[in-house]
Amino acid sequence: KELESQIQEEINFKTKPIGALGSLENIALQ
């Protein structure tokens, strides 16, 4: 889980509302 916060931050600050890509965001993090 060393990079979890960094990956999640990268996902969150893409040009979209947070969570707008739904399950795709979970898979990207996983």
Full PDB file with SEQRES, HELIX, SHEET, SSBOND, CRYST1, ORIGX, SCALE, CONECT and MASTER records, all heavy atoms in Angstrom:
SEQRES   1 A   30  LYS GLU LEU GLU SER GLN ILE GLN GLU GLU ILE ASN PHE          
SEQRES   2 A   30  LYS THR LYS PRO ILE GLY ALA LEU GLY SER LEU GLU ASN          
SEQRES   3 A   30  ILE ALA LEU GLN                                              
HELIX    1 AA1 GLU A    4  ASN A   12  1                                   9    
HELIX    2 AA2 SER A   23  LEU A   29  1                                   7    
CRYST1    1.000    1.000    1.000  90.00  90.00  90.00 P 1           1          
ORIGX1      1.000000  0.000000  0.000000        0.00000                         
ORIGX2      0.000000  1.000000  0.000000        0.00000                         
ORIGX3      0.000000  0.000000  1.000000        0.00000                         
SCALE1      1.000000  0.000000  0.000000        0.00000                         
SCALE2      0.000000  1.000000  0.000000        0.00000                         
SCALE3      0.000000  0.000000  1.000000        0.00000                         
ATOM      1  N   LYS A   1       0.828  -1.215   0.000  1.00  0.00           N  
ATOM      2  CA  LYS A   1       0.000   0.000   0.000  1.00  0.00           C  
ATOM      3  C   LYS A   1       0.861   1.264   0.000  1.00  0.00           C  
ATOM      4  O   LYS A   1       0.359   2.366   0.211  1.00  0.00           O  
ATOM      5  CB  LYS A   1      -0.921  -0.015   1.230  1.00  0.00           C  
ATOM      6  CG  LYS A   1      -1.906  -1.190   1.288  1.00  0.00           C  
ATOM      7  CD  LYS A   1      -2.874  -1.150   0.130  1.00  0.00           C  
ATOM      8  CE  LYS A   1      -3.866  -2.307   0.159  1.00  0.00           C  
ATOM      9  NZ  LYS A   1      -4.863  -2.186   1.216  1.00  0.00           N  
ATOM     10  N   GLU A   2       2.153   1.088  -0.258  1.00  0.00           N  
ATOM     11  CA  GLU A   2       3.103   2.188  -0.185  1.00  0.00           C  
ATOM     12  C   GLU A   2       2.711   3.361  -1.087  1.00  0.00           C  
ATOM     13  O   GLU A   2       2.833   4.536  -0.710  1.00  0.00           O  
ATOM     14  CB  GLU A   2       4.499   1.681  -0.572  1.00  0.00           C  
ATOM     15  CG  GLU A   2       5.584   2.740  -0.565  1.00  0.00           C  
ATOM     16  CD  GLU A   2       6.920   2.210  -1.064  1.00  0.00           C  
ATOM     17  OE1 GLU A   2       7.013   0.993  -1.353  1.00  0.00           O  
ATOM     18  OE2 GLU A   2       7.858   3.011  -1.181  1.00  0.00           O  
ATOM     19  N   LEU A   3       2.202   3.056  -2.278  1.00  0.00           N  
ATOM     20  CA  LEU A   3       1.877   4.107  -3.246  1.00  0.00           C  
ATOM     21  C   LEU A   3       0.382   4.420  -3.306  1.00  0.00           C  
ATOM     22  O   LEU A   3      -0.055   5.178  -4.174  1.00  0.00           O  
ATOM     23  CB  LEU A   3       2.359   3.698  -4.643  1.00  0.00           C  
ATOM     24  CG  LEU A   3       3.863   3.533  -4.841  1.00  0.00           C  
ATOM     25  CD1 LEU A   3       4.168   3.098  -6.263  1.00  0.00           C  
ATOM     26  CD2 LEU A   3       4.600   4.831  -4.522  1.00  0.00           C  
ATOM     27  N   GLU A   4      -0.404   3.860  -2.403  1.00  0.00           N  
ATOM     28  CA  GLU A   4      -1.859   3.989  -2.511  1.00  0.00           C  
ATOM     29  C   GLU A   4      -2.308   5.452  -2.553  1.00  0.00           C  
ATOM     30  O   GLU A   4      -3.106   5.853  -3.417  1.00  0.00           O  
ATOM     31  CB  GLU A   4      -2.547   3.269  -1.357  1.00  0.00           C  
ATOM     32  CG  GLU A   4      -4.071   3.320  -1.456  1.00  0.00           C  
ATOM     33  CD  GLU A   4      -4.749   2.440  -0.428  1.00  0.00           C  
ATOM     34  OE1 GLU A   4      -4.112   2.102   0.593  1.00  0.00           O  
ATOM     35  OE2 GLU A   4      -5.931   2.097  -0.643  1.00  0.00           O  
ATOM     36  N   SER A   5      -1.812   6.269  -1.648  1.00  0.00           N  
ATOM     37  CA  SER A   5      -2.264   7.659  -1.609  1.00  0.00           C  
ATOM     38  C   SER A   5      -1.831   8.418  -2.856  1.00  0.00           C  
ATOM     39  O   SER A   5      -2.580   9.254  -3.383  1.00  0.00           O  
ATOM     40  CB  SER A   5      -1.741   8.355  -0.348  1.00  0.00           C  
ATOM     41  OG  SER A   5      -0.324   8.372  -0.334  1.00  0.00           O  
ATOM     42  N   GLN A   6      -0.648   8.101  -3.378  1.00  0.00           N  
ATOM     43  CA  GLN A   6      -0.170   8.780  -4.574  1.00  0.00           C  
ATOM     44  C   GLN A   6      -0.975   8.377  -5.809  1.00  0.00           C  
ATOM     45  O   GLN A   6      -1.314   9.224  -6.643  1.00  0.00           O  
ATOM     46  CB  GLN A   6       1.313   8.471  -4.802  1.00  0.00           C  
ATOM     47  CG  GLN A   6       2.242   9.104  -3.793  1.00  0.00           C  
ATOM     48  CD  GLN A   6       3.684   8.666  -4.017  1.00  0.00           C  
ATOM     49  OE1 GLN A   6       4.192   7.801  -3.308  1.00  0.00           O  
ATOM     50  NE2 GLN A   6       4.341   9.256  -5.009  1.00  0.00           N  
ATOM     51  N   ILE A   7      -1.264   7.068  -5.935  1.00  0.00           N  
ATOM     52  CA  ILE A   7      -2.074   6.619  -7.074  1.00  0.00           C  
ATOM     53  C   ILE A   7      -3.466   7.216  -6.989  1.00  0.00           C  
ATOM     54  O   ILE A   7      -4.024   7.700  -7.986  1.00  0.00           O  
ATOM     55  CB  ILE A   7      -2.145   5.081  -7.121  1.00  0.00           C  
ATOM     56  CG1 ILE A   7      -0.768   4.460  -7.303  1.00  0.00           C  
ATOM     57  CG2 ILE A   7      -3.068   4.630  -8.260  1.00  0.00           C  
ATOM     58  CD1 ILE A   7      -0.731   2.946  -7.109  1.00  0.00           C  
ATOM     59  N   GLN A   8      -4.061   7.216  -5.784  1.00  0.00           N  
ATOM     60  CA  GLN A   8      -5.405   7.756  -5.615  1.00  0.00           C  
ATOM     61  C   GLN A   8      -5.442   9.245  -5.924  1.00  0.00           C  
ATOM     62  O   GLN A   8      -6.390   9.741  -6.553  1.00  0.00           O  
ATOM     63  CB  GLN A   8      -5.898   7.504  -4.184  1.00  0.00           C  
ATOM     64  CG  GLN A   8      -7.380   7.808  -3.993  1.00  0.00           C  
ATOM     65  CD  GLN A   8      -8.259   6.910  -4.841  1.00  0.00           C  
ATOM     66  OE1 GLN A   8      -8.244   5.692  -4.707  1.00  0.00           O  
ATOM     67  NE2 GLN A   8      -9.047   7.526  -5.729  1.00  0.00           N  
ATOM     68  N   GLU A   9      -4.399   9.965  -5.524  1.00  0.00           N  
ATOM     69  CA  GLU A   9      -4.340  11.394  -5.832  1.00  0.00           C  
ATOM     70  C   GLU A   9      -4.249  11.621  -7.337  1.00  0.00           C  
ATOM     71  O   GLU A   9      -4.902  12.507  -7.896  1.00  0.00           O  
ATOM     72  CB  GLU A   9      -3.134  12.018  -5.128  1.00  0.00           C  
ATOM     73  CG  GLU A   9      -3.032  13.524  -5.337  1.00  0.00           C  
ATOM     74  CD  GLU A   9      -1.893  14.143  -4.542  1.00  0.00           C  
ATOM     75  OE1 GLU A   9      -1.343  13.466  -3.649  1.00  0.00           O  
ATOM     76  OE2 GLU A   9      -1.549  15.306  -4.827  1.00  0.00           O  
ATOM     77  N   GLU A  10      -3.452  10.781  -8.006  1.00  0.00           N  
ATOM     78  CA  GLU A  10      -3.329  10.888  -9.464  1.00  0.00           C  
ATOM     79  C   GLU A  10      -4.689  10.661 -10.126  1.00  0.00           C  
ATOM     80  O   GLU A  10      -5.072  11.381 -11.060  1.00  0.00           O  
ATOM     81  CB  GLU A  10      -2.309   9.861  -9.967  1.00  0.00           C  
ATOM     82  CG  GLU A  10      -1.952   9.973 -11.424  1.00  0.00           C  
ATOM     83  CD  GLU A  10      -1.061  11.169 -11.746  1.00  0.00           C  
ATOM     84  OE1 GLU A  10      -0.497  11.786 -10.814  1.00  0.00           O  
ATOM     85  OE2 GLU A  10      -0.958  11.494 -12.943  1.00  0.00           O  
ATOM     86  N   ILE A  11      -5.441   9.679  -9.633  1.00  0.00           N  
ATOM     87  CA  ILE A  11      -6.773   9.385 -10.171  1.00  0.00           C  
ATOM     88  C   ILE A  11      -7.727  10.548  -9.907  1.00  0.00           C  
ATOM     89  O   ILE A  11      -8.474  10.992 -10.792  1.00  0.00           O  
ATOM     90  CB  ILE A  11      -7.315   8.085  -9.553  1.00  0.00           C  
ATOM     91  CG1 ILE A  11      -6.518   6.880 -10.059  1.00  0.00           C  
ATOM     92  CG2 ILE A  11      -8.803   7.906  -9.851  1.00  0.00           C  
ATOM     93  CD1 ILE A  11      -6.792   5.589  -9.309  1.00  0.00           C  
ATOM     94  N   ASN A  12      -7.697  11.046  -8.689  1.00  0.00           N  
ATOM     95  CA  ASN A  12      -8.644  12.090  -8.282  1.00  0.00           C  
ATOM     96  C   ASN A  12      -8.466  13.391  -9.055  1.00  0.00           C  
ATOM     97  O   ASN A  12      -9.440  14.121  -9.284  1.00  0.00           O  
ATOM     98  CB  ASN A  12      -8.510  12.381  -6.790  1.00  0.00           C  
ATOM     99  CG  ASN A  12      -9.046  11.251  -5.921  1.00  0.00           C  
ATOM    100  OD1 ASN A  12      -9.743  10.369  -6.395  1.00  0.00           O  
ATOM    101  ND2 ASN A  12      -8.700  11.277  -4.643  1.00  0.00           N  
ATOM    102  N   PHE A  13      -7.220  13.698  -9.463  1.00  0.00           N  
ATOM    103  CA  PHE A  13      -6.965  14.984 -10.095  1.00  0.00           C  
ATOM    104  C   PHE A  13      -6.908  14.904 -11.610  1.00  0.00           C  
ATOM    105  O   PHE A  13      -6.443  15.845 -12.270  1.00  0.00           O  
ATOM    106  CB  PHE A  13      -5.701  15.614  -9.512  1.00  0.00           C  
ATOM    107  CG  PHE A  13      -5.921  16.136  -8.121  1.00  0.00           C  
ATOM    108  CD1 PHE A  13      -5.551  15.377  -7.024  1.00  0.00           C  
ATOM    109  CD2 PHE A  13      -6.551  17.354  -7.909  1.00  0.00           C  
ATOM    110  CE1 PHE A  13      -5.780  15.840  -5.738  1.00  0.00           C  
ATOM    111  CE2 PHE A  13      -6.788  17.824  -6.624  1.00  0.00           C  
ATOM    112  CZ  PHE A  13      -6.405  17.068  -5.528  1.00  0.00           C  
ATOM    113  N   LYS A  14      -7.377  13.800 -12.187  1.00  0.00           N  
ATOM    114  CA  LYS A  14      -7.608  13.784 -13.626  1.00  0.00           C  
ATOM    115  C   LYS A  14      -8.741  14.760 -13.940  1.00  0.00           C  
ATOM    116  O   LYS A  14      -9.507  15.159 -13.061  1.00  0.00           O  
ATOM    117  CB  LYS A  14      -7.976  12.371 -14.098  1.00  0.00           C  
ATOM    118  CG  LYS A  14      -6.891  11.325 -13.888  1.00  0.00           C  
ATOM    119  CD  LYS A  14      -5.640  11.600 -14.689  1.00  0.00           C  
ATOM    120  CE  LYS A  14      -4.613  10.470 -14.545  1.00  0.00           C  
ATOM    121  NZ  LYS A  14      -3.377  10.765 -15.303  1.00  0.00           N  
ATOM    122  N   THR A  15      -8.872  15.139 -15.215  1.00  0.00           N  
ATOM    123  CA  THR A  15      -9.862  16.158 -15.596  1.00  0.00           C  
ATOM    124  C   THR A  15     -11.269  15.560 -15.625  1.00  0.00           C  
ATOM    125  O   THR A  15     -11.854  15.302 -16.682  1.00  0.00           O  
ATOM    126  CB  THR A  15      -9.517  16.757 -16.976  1.00  0.00           C  
ATOM    127  OG1 THR A  15      -9.229  15.688 -17.897  1.00  0.00           O  
ATOM    128  CG2 THR A  15      -8.326  17.668 -16.879  1.00  0.00           C  
ATOM    129  N   LYS A  16     -11.804  15.362 -14.438  1.00  0.00           N  
ATOM    130  CA  LYS A  16     -13.118  14.764 -14.230  1.00  0.00           C  
ATOM    131  C   LYS A  16     -13.520  15.006 -12.780  1.00  0.00           C  
ATOM    132  O   LYS A  16     -12.666  15.231 -11.921  1.00  0.00           O  
ATOM    133  CB  LYS A  16     -13.073  13.255 -14.514  1.00  0.00           C  
ATOM    134  CG  LYS A  16     -12.114  12.552 -13.579  1.00  0.00           C  
ATOM    135  CD  LYS A  16     -12.135  11.071 -13.678  1.00  0.00           C  
ATOM    136  CE  LYS A  16     -11.170  10.458 -12.662  1.00  0.00           C  
ATOM    137  NZ  LYS A  16     -11.462  10.815 -11.256  1.00  0.00           N  
ATOM    138  N   PRO A  17     -14.794  14.918 -12.472  1.00  0.00           N  
ATOM    139  CA  PRO A  17     -15.189  14.921 -11.063  1.00  0.00           C  
ATOM    140  C   PRO A  17     -14.650  13.673 -10.360  1.00  0.00           C  
ATOM    141  O   PRO A  17     -14.514  12.610 -10.977  1.00  0.00           O  
ATOM    142  CB  PRO A  17     -16.724  14.891 -11.127  1.00  0.00           C  
ATOM    143  CG  PRO A  17     -17.063  15.362 -12.498  1.00  0.00           C  
ATOM    144  CD  PRO A  17     -15.948  14.919 -13.381  1.00  0.00           C  
ATOM    145  N   ILE A  18     -14.349  13.790  -9.081  1.00  0.00           N  
ATOM    146  CA  ILE A  18     -13.856  12.636  -8.316  1.00  0.00           C  
ATOM    147  C   ILE A  18     -14.880  11.515  -8.362  1.00  0.00           C  
ATOM    148  O   ILE A  18     -16.076  11.714  -8.116  1.00  0.00           O  
ATOM    149  CB  ILE A  18     -13.546  13.045  -6.861  1.00  0.00           C  
ATOM    150  CG1 ILE A  18     -12.302  13.938  -6.825  1.00  0.00           C  
ATOM    151  CG2 ILE A  18     -13.329  11.808  -5.985  1.00  0.00           C  
ATOM    152  CD1 ILE A  18     -11.953  14.470  -5.452  1.00  0.00           C  
ATOM    153  N   GLY A  19     -14.418  10.330  -8.715  1.00  0.00           N  
ATOM    154  CA  GLY A  19     -15.290   9.156  -8.767  1.00  0.00           C  
ATOM    155  C   GLY A  19     -16.099   9.019 -10.036  1.00  0.00           C  
ATOM    156  O   GLY A  19     -16.865   8.058 -10.189  1.00  0.00           O  
ATOM    157  N   ALA A  20     -15.943   9.934 -10.981  1.00  0.00           N  
ATOM    158  CA  ALA A  20     -16.815   9.944 -12.159  1.00  0.00           C  
ATOM    159  C   ALA A  20     -16.591   8.760 -13.098  1.00  0.00           C  
ATOM    160  O   ALA A  20     -17.460   8.442 -13.908  1.00  0.00           O  
ATOM    161  CB  ALA A  20     -16.628  11.249 -12.934  1.00  0.00           C  
ATOM    162  N   LEU A  21     -15.438   8.124 -12.993  1.00  0.00           N  
ATOM    163  CA  LEU A  21     -15.198   6.944 -13.839  1.00  0.00           C  
ATOM    164  C   LEU A  21     -15.539   5.640 -13.122  1.00  0.00           C  
ATOM    165  O   LEU A  21     -15.216   4.557 -13.600  1.00  0.00           O  
ATOM    166  CB  LEU A  21     -13.749   6.928 -14.336  1.00  0.00           C  
ATOM    167  CG  LEU A  21     -13.435   7.935 -15.441  1.00  0.00           C  
ATOM    168  CD1 LEU A  21     -11.961   7.901 -15.801  1.00  0.00           C  
ATOM    169  CD2 LEU A  21     -14.287   7.678 -16.677  1.00  0.00           C  
ATOM    170  N   GLY A  22     -16.173   5.751 -11.965  1.00  0.00           N  
ATOM    171  CA  GLY A  22     -16.736   4.584 -11.294  1.00  0.00           C  
ATOM    172  C   GLY A  22     -15.745   3.463 -11.071  1.00  0.00           C  
ATOM    173  O   GLY A  22     -14.639   3.668 -10.555  1.00  0.00           O  
ATOM    174  N   SER A  23     -16.128   2.251 -11.484  1.00  0.00           N  
ATOM    175  CA  SER A  23     -15.311   1.059 -11.241  1.00  0.00           C  
ATOM    176  C   SER A  23     -13.958   1.118 -11.936  1.00  0.00           C  
ATOM    177  O   SER A  23     -13.010   0.453 -11.507  1.00  0.00           O  
ATOM    178  CB  SER A  23     -16.064  -0.197 -11.700  1.00  0.00           C  
ATOM    179  OG  SER A  23     -17.227  -0.394 -10.928  1.00  0.00           O  
ATOM    180  N   LEU A  24     -13.856   1.896 -13.008  1.00  0.00           N  
ATOM    181  CA  LEU A  24     -12.565   2.016 -13.683  1.00  0.00           C  
ATOM    182  C   LEU A  24     -11.514   2.604 -12.747  1.00  0.00           C  
ATOM    183  O   LEU A  24     -10.335   2.238 -12.816  1.00  0.00           O  
ATOM    184  CB  LEU A  24     -12.685   2.881 -14.937  1.00  0.00           C  
ATOM    185  CG  LEU A  24     -13.620   2.405 -16.047  1.00  0.00           C  
ATOM    186  CD1 LEU A  24     -13.432   3.281 -17.284  1.00  0.00           C  
ATOM    187  CD2 LEU A  24     -13.402   0.944 -16.399  1.00  0.00           C  
ATOM    188  N   GLU A  25     -11.937   3.490 -11.871  1.00  0.00           N  
ATOM    189  CA  GLU A  25     -10.999   4.082 -10.918  1.00  0.00           C  
ATOM    190  C   GLU A  25     -10.511   3.044  -9.913  1.00  0.00           C  
ATOM    191  O   GLU A  25      -9.327   3.022  -9.545  1.00  0.00           O  
ATOM    192  CB  GLU A  25     -11.655   5.267 -10.206  1.00  0.00           C  
ATOM    193  CG  GLU A  25     -12.073   6.370 -11.161  1.00  0.00           C  
ATOM    194  CD  GLU A  25     -12.505   7.648 -10.460  1.00  0.00           C  
ATOM    195  OE1 GLU A  25     -12.201   7.808  -9.256  1.00  0.00           O  
ATOM    196  OE2 GLU A  25     -13.150   8.492 -11.115  1.00  0.00           O  
ATOM    197  N   ASN A  26     -11.414   2.174  -9.482  1.00  0.00           N  
ATOM    198  CA  ASN A  26     -11.026   1.114  -8.536  1.00  0.00           C  
ATOM    199  C   ASN A  26     -10.029   0.152  -9.176  1.00  0.00           C  
ATOM    200  O   ASN A  26      -9.070  -0.294  -8.530  1.00  0.00           O  
ATOM    201  CB  ASN A  26     -12.261   0.336  -8.072  1.00  0.00           C  
ATOM    202  CG  ASN A  26     -13.269   1.219  -7.366  1.00  0.00           C  
ATOM    203  OD1 ASN A  26     -12.903   2.210  -6.749  1.00  0.00           O  
ATOM    204  ND2 ASN A  26     -14.550   0.859  -7.463  1.00  0.00           N  
ATOM    205  N   ILE A  27     -10.265  -0.173 -10.439  1.00  0.00           N  
ATOM    206  CA  ILE A  27      -9.376  -1.101 -11.129  1.00  0.00           C  
ATOM    207  C   ILE A  27      -8.004  -0.469 -11.353  1.00  0.00           C  
ATOM    208  O   ILE A  27      -6.966  -1.117 -11.171  1.00  0.00           O  
ATOM    209  CB  ILE A  27      -9.977  -1.545 -12.473  1.00  0.00           C  
ATOM    210  CG1 ILE A  27     -11.252  -2.347 -12.227  1.00  0.00           C  
ATOM    211  CG2 ILE A  27      -8.993  -2.390 -13.269  1.00  0.00           C  
ATOM    212  CD1 ILE A  27     -12.084  -2.538 -13.459  1.00  0.00           C  
ATOM    213  N   ALA A  28      -8.000   0.801 -11.745  1.00  0.00           N  
ATOM    214  CA  ALA A  28      -6.723   1.490 -11.937  1.00  0.00           C  
ATOM    215  C   ALA A  28      -5.907   1.472 -10.651  1.00  0.00           C  
ATOM    216  O   ALA A  28      -4.697   1.205 -10.668  1.00  0.00           O  
ATOM    217  CB  ALA A  28      -6.975   2.924 -12.395  1.00  0.00           C  
ATOM    218  N   LEU A  29      -6.569   1.750  -9.523  1.00  0.00           N  
ATOM    219  CA  LEU A  29      -5.874   1.721  -8.238  1.00  0.00           C  
ATOM    220  C   LEU A  29      -5.373   0.311  -7.933  1.00  0.00           C  
ATOM    221  O   LEU A  29      -4.207   0.128  -7.515  1.00  0.00           O  
ATOM    222  CB  LEU A  29      -6.809   2.200  -7.128  1.00  0.00           C  
ATOM    223  CG  LEU A  29      -6.254   2.125  -5.696  1.00  0.00           C  
ATOM    224  CD1 LEU A  29      -5.002   2.984  -5.550  1.00  0.00           C  
ATOM    225  CD2 LEU A  29      -7.322   2.532  -4.692  1.00  0.00           C  
ATOM    226  N   GLN A  30      -6.216  -0.694  -8.144  1.00  0.00           N  
ATOM    227  CA  GLN A  30      -5.834  -2.070  -7.829  1.00  0.00           C  
ATOM    228  C   GLN A  30      -4.630  -2.514  -8.647  1.00  0.00           C  
ATOM    229  O   GLN A  30      -3.677  -3.094  -8.096  1.00  0.00           O  
ATOM    230  CB  GLN A  30      -7.010  -3.014  -8.069  1.00  0.00           C  
ATOM    231  CG  GLN A  30      -6.703  -4.468  -7.703  1.00  0.00           C  
ATOM    232  CD  GLN A  30      -7.867  -5.403  -7.969  1.00  0.00           C  
ATOM    233  OE1 GLN A  30      -8.916  -4.997  -8.470  1.00  0.00           O  
ATOM    234  NE2 GLN A  30      -7.682  -6.682  -7.636  1.00  0.00           N  
TER     235      GLN A  30                                                      
MASTER        0    0    0    2    0    0    0    6  234    1    0    3          
END                                                                             
